[in-house]
């Protein structure tokens, strides 16, 4: 499915994919940056509705598996 979205054959996509590192861990400083970005977007009227970043970021997954150095969104 993704290969067709990025206009690559499955063979091409399977060669490209290992070059990308998708890390699901978001550290507290990342959450703070999200909050700053959300505030910036609203203050410049680029976003009309406030976003509750704390509600958006799900910390339950990593806490459930015993990790405390980051959260998973």
N, C-alpha and C. Protein backbone atom coordinates (compact mmCIF):
# COMPACT_ATOMS: atom_id res chain seq x y z
N UNK A 1 0.82 -1.19 0.00
CA UNK A 1 0.00 0.00 0.00
C UNK A 1 0.87 1.26 0.00
N UNK A 2 1.84 1.30 0.86
CA UNK A 2 2.69 2.48 0.95
C UNK A 2 3.51 2.65 -0.33
N UNK A 3 3.99 1.56 -0.88
CA UNK A 3 4.79 1.63 -2.10
C UNK A 3 4.04 2.36 -3.20
N UNK A 4 2.75 2.08 -3.34
CA UNK A 4 1.98 2.76 -4.39
C UNK A 4 1.78 4.23 -4.06
N UNK A 5 1.65 4.57 -2.77
CA UNK A 5 1.50 5.98 -2.37
C UNK A 5 2.75 6.79 -2.68
N UNK A 6 3.91 6.19 -2.56
CA UNK A 6 5.16 6.91 -2.82
C UNK A 6 5.68 6.67 -4.23
N UNK A 7 4.86 6.03 -5.05
CA UNK A 7 5.17 5.80 -6.46
C UNK A 7 6.44 4.97 -6.66
N UNK A 8 6.60 3.95 -5.86
CA UNK A 8 7.71 3.02 -5.99
C UNK A 8 7.16 1.61 -6.16
N UNK A 9 7.92 0.79 -6.83
CA UNK A 9 7.53 -0.61 -6.89
C UNK A 9 7.79 -1.22 -5.51
N UNK A 10 7.14 -2.32 -5.20
CA UNK A 10 7.42 -2.96 -3.91
C UNK A 10 8.90 -3.30 -3.73
N UNK A 11 9.55 -3.68 -4.80
CA UNK A 11 10.98 -4.01 -4.72
C UNK A 11 11.81 -2.76 -4.38
N UNK A 12 11.50 -1.65 -5.04
CA UNK A 12 12.20 -0.39 -4.76
C UNK A 12 11.96 0.05 -3.32
N UNK A 13 10.70 -0.04 -2.92
CA UNK A 13 10.35 0.39 -1.57
C UNK A 13 11.04 -0.44 -0.51
N UNK A 14 11.15 -1.74 -0.73
CA UNK A 14 11.81 -2.60 0.26
C UNK A 14 13.30 -2.29 0.37
N UNK A 15 13.90 -1.71 -0.67
CA UNK A 15 15.30 -1.29 -0.60
C UNK A 15 15.45 0.04 0.12
N UNK A 16 14.46 0.91 -0.03
CA UNK A 16 14.51 2.25 0.57
C UNK A 16 14.14 2.23 2.06
N UNK A 17 13.18 1.43 2.42
CA UNK A 17 12.64 1.43 3.78
C UNK A 17 13.69 1.27 4.88
N UNK A 18 14.66 0.38 4.75
CA UNK A 18 15.64 0.23 5.83
C UNK A 18 16.48 1.49 6.12
N UNK A 19 16.48 2.44 5.20
CA UNK A 19 17.24 3.67 5.40
C UNK A 19 16.56 4.63 6.37
N UNK A 20 15.30 4.38 6.67
CA UNK A 20 14.55 5.25 7.55
C UNK A 20 14.45 4.63 8.94
N UNK A 21 14.60 5.46 9.94
CA UNK A 21 14.55 5.02 11.33
C UNK A 21 13.35 5.68 11.99
N UNK A 22 12.28 4.95 12.14
CA UNK A 22 11.08 5.49 12.75
C UNK A 22 11.06 5.13 14.23
N UNK A 23 11.35 6.10 15.04
CA UNK A 23 11.39 5.91 16.48
C UNK A 23 10.07 6.39 17.06
N UNK A 24 9.44 5.55 17.86
CA UNK A 24 8.15 5.92 18.43
C UNK A 24 8.28 6.62 19.78
N UNK A 25 9.48 6.74 20.28
CA UNK A 25 9.66 7.36 21.59
C UNK A 25 9.68 8.87 21.45
N UNK A 26 8.86 9.50 22.27
CA UNK A 26 8.82 10.95 22.34
C UNK A 26 9.16 11.32 23.77
N UNK A 27 10.21 12.08 23.92
CA UNK A 27 10.66 12.46 25.25
C UNK A 27 9.90 13.70 25.74
N UNK A 28 9.94 13.97 27.04
CA UNK A 28 9.23 15.13 27.59
C UNK A 28 9.57 16.45 26.88
N UNK A 29 10.82 16.60 26.46
CA UNK A 29 11.18 17.84 25.76
C UNK A 29 10.49 17.94 24.40
N UNK A 30 10.19 16.81 23.79
CA UNK A 30 9.46 16.82 22.53
C UNK A 30 8.01 17.27 22.77
N UNK A 31 7.44 16.80 23.86
CA UNK A 31 6.07 17.18 24.20
C UNK A 31 6.02 18.69 24.44
N UNK A 32 7.01 19.22 25.12
CA UNK A 32 7.07 20.66 25.37
C UNK A 32 7.16 21.43 24.06
N UNK A 33 7.92 20.93 23.11
CA UNK A 33 8.02 21.58 21.80
C UNK A 33 6.69 21.53 21.06
N UNK A 34 5.98 20.41 21.18
CA UNK A 34 4.65 20.32 20.58
C UNK A 34 3.72 21.39 21.16
N UNK A 35 3.80 21.59 22.48
CA UNK A 35 2.97 22.61 23.13
C UNK A 35 3.33 24.00 22.63
N UNK A 36 4.61 24.27 22.48
CA UNK A 36 5.04 25.57 21.96
C UNK A 36 4.57 25.77 20.53
N UNK A 37 4.65 24.73 19.73
CA UNK A 37 4.20 24.81 18.34
C UNK A 37 2.71 25.06 18.28
N UNK A 38 1.95 24.36 19.09
CA UNK A 38 0.50 24.54 19.13
C UNK A 38 0.17 25.97 19.52
N UNK A 39 0.84 26.50 20.51
CA UNK A 39 0.61 27.87 20.96
C UNK A 39 0.98 28.88 19.85
N UNK A 40 2.09 28.64 19.18
CA UNK A 40 2.52 29.51 18.09
C UNK A 40 1.48 29.53 16.97
N UNK A 41 1.01 28.35 16.59
CA UNK A 41 0.03 28.27 15.51
C UNK A 41 -1.26 29.01 15.86
N UNK A 42 -1.71 28.89 17.09
CA UNK A 42 -2.91 29.61 17.50
C UNK A 42 -2.66 31.11 17.58
N UNK A 43 -1.52 31.52 18.11
CA UNK A 43 -1.24 32.95 18.26
C UNK A 43 -1.10 33.66 16.91
N UNK A 44 -0.75 32.91 15.88
CA UNK A 44 -0.63 33.48 14.54
C UNK A 44 -1.85 33.15 13.68
N UNK A 45 -2.89 32.68 14.34
CA UNK A 45 -4.16 32.35 13.69
C UNK A 45 -4.02 31.35 12.54
N UNK A 46 -3.06 30.45 12.70
CA UNK A 46 -2.90 29.36 11.73
C UNK A 46 -3.69 28.13 12.15
N UNK A 47 -4.12 28.14 13.39
CA UNK A 47 -4.96 27.09 13.94
C UNK A 47 -6.00 27.78 14.81
N UNK A 48 -7.26 27.44 14.63
CA UNK A 48 -8.33 28.12 15.37
C UNK A 48 -8.65 27.45 16.70
N UNK A 49 -8.57 26.14 16.72
CA UNK A 49 -8.98 25.39 17.90
C UNK A 49 -7.78 24.94 18.71
N UNK A 50 -7.83 25.13 20.02
CA UNK A 50 -6.73 24.64 20.84
C UNK A 50 -6.65 23.12 20.81
N UNK A 51 -5.43 22.61 20.92
CA UNK A 51 -5.19 21.17 20.96
C UNK A 51 -4.59 20.85 22.32
N UNK A 52 -5.22 19.93 23.02
CA UNK A 52 -4.70 19.49 24.32
C UNK A 52 -3.60 18.47 24.05
N UNK A 53 -2.36 18.94 24.03
CA UNK A 53 -1.22 18.08 23.71
C UNK A 53 -1.11 16.94 24.72
N UNK A 54 -1.36 17.23 25.98
CA UNK A 54 -1.27 16.17 27.00
C UNK A 54 -2.28 15.06 26.74
N UNK A 55 -3.44 15.40 26.21
CA UNK A 55 -4.44 14.38 25.89
C UNK A 55 -4.07 13.66 24.59
N UNK A 56 -3.39 14.36 23.69
CA UNK A 56 -2.99 13.79 22.40
C UNK A 56 -1.87 12.77 22.55
N UNK A 57 -0.93 13.03 23.45
CA UNK A 57 0.22 12.14 23.64
C UNK A 57 -0.18 11.03 24.62
N UNK A 58 -0.05 9.81 24.18
CA UNK A 58 -0.44 8.66 24.99
C UNK A 58 0.78 8.08 25.71
N UNK A 59 0.81 8.25 27.00
CA UNK A 59 1.94 7.76 27.79
C UNK A 59 1.71 6.35 28.34
N UNK A 60 0.53 5.80 28.15
CA UNK A 60 0.21 4.51 28.76
C UNK A 60 1.02 3.35 28.21
N UNK A 61 1.32 3.35 26.92
CA UNK A 61 1.98 2.20 26.31
C UNK A 61 3.33 1.92 26.94
N UNK A 62 4.21 2.91 26.96
CA UNK A 62 5.55 2.65 27.50
C UNK A 62 5.53 2.43 29.01
N UNK A 63 4.64 3.13 29.70
CA UNK A 63 4.53 2.88 31.14
C UNK A 63 4.09 1.44 31.39
N UNK A 64 3.20 0.94 30.55
CA UNK A 64 2.70 -0.43 30.71
C UNK A 64 3.80 -1.47 30.51
N UNK A 65 4.79 -1.15 29.66
CA UNK A 65 5.87 -2.11 29.42
C UNK A 65 7.10 -1.79 30.26
N UNK A 66 6.96 -0.83 31.18
CA UNK A 66 8.05 -0.56 32.11
C UNK A 66 9.09 0.43 31.64
N UNK A 67 8.81 1.17 30.58
CA UNK A 67 9.75 2.18 30.12
C UNK A 67 9.34 3.54 30.67
N UNK A 68 10.31 4.31 31.11
CA UNK A 68 9.97 5.60 31.69
C UNK A 68 10.72 6.76 31.04
N UNK A 69 11.57 6.48 30.05
CA UNK A 69 12.40 7.53 29.45
C UNK A 69 11.71 8.24 28.30
N UNK A 70 10.52 7.84 27.96
CA UNK A 70 9.83 8.49 26.88
C UNK A 70 8.39 8.06 26.87
N UNK A 71 7.62 8.62 25.98
CA UNK A 71 6.24 8.25 25.85
C UNK A 71 5.98 7.88 24.40
N UNK A 72 4.91 7.18 24.19
CA UNK A 72 4.55 6.75 22.83
C UNK A 72 3.32 7.51 22.41
N UNK A 73 3.34 8.03 21.18
CA UNK A 73 2.12 8.67 20.68
C UNK A 73 1.48 7.77 19.65
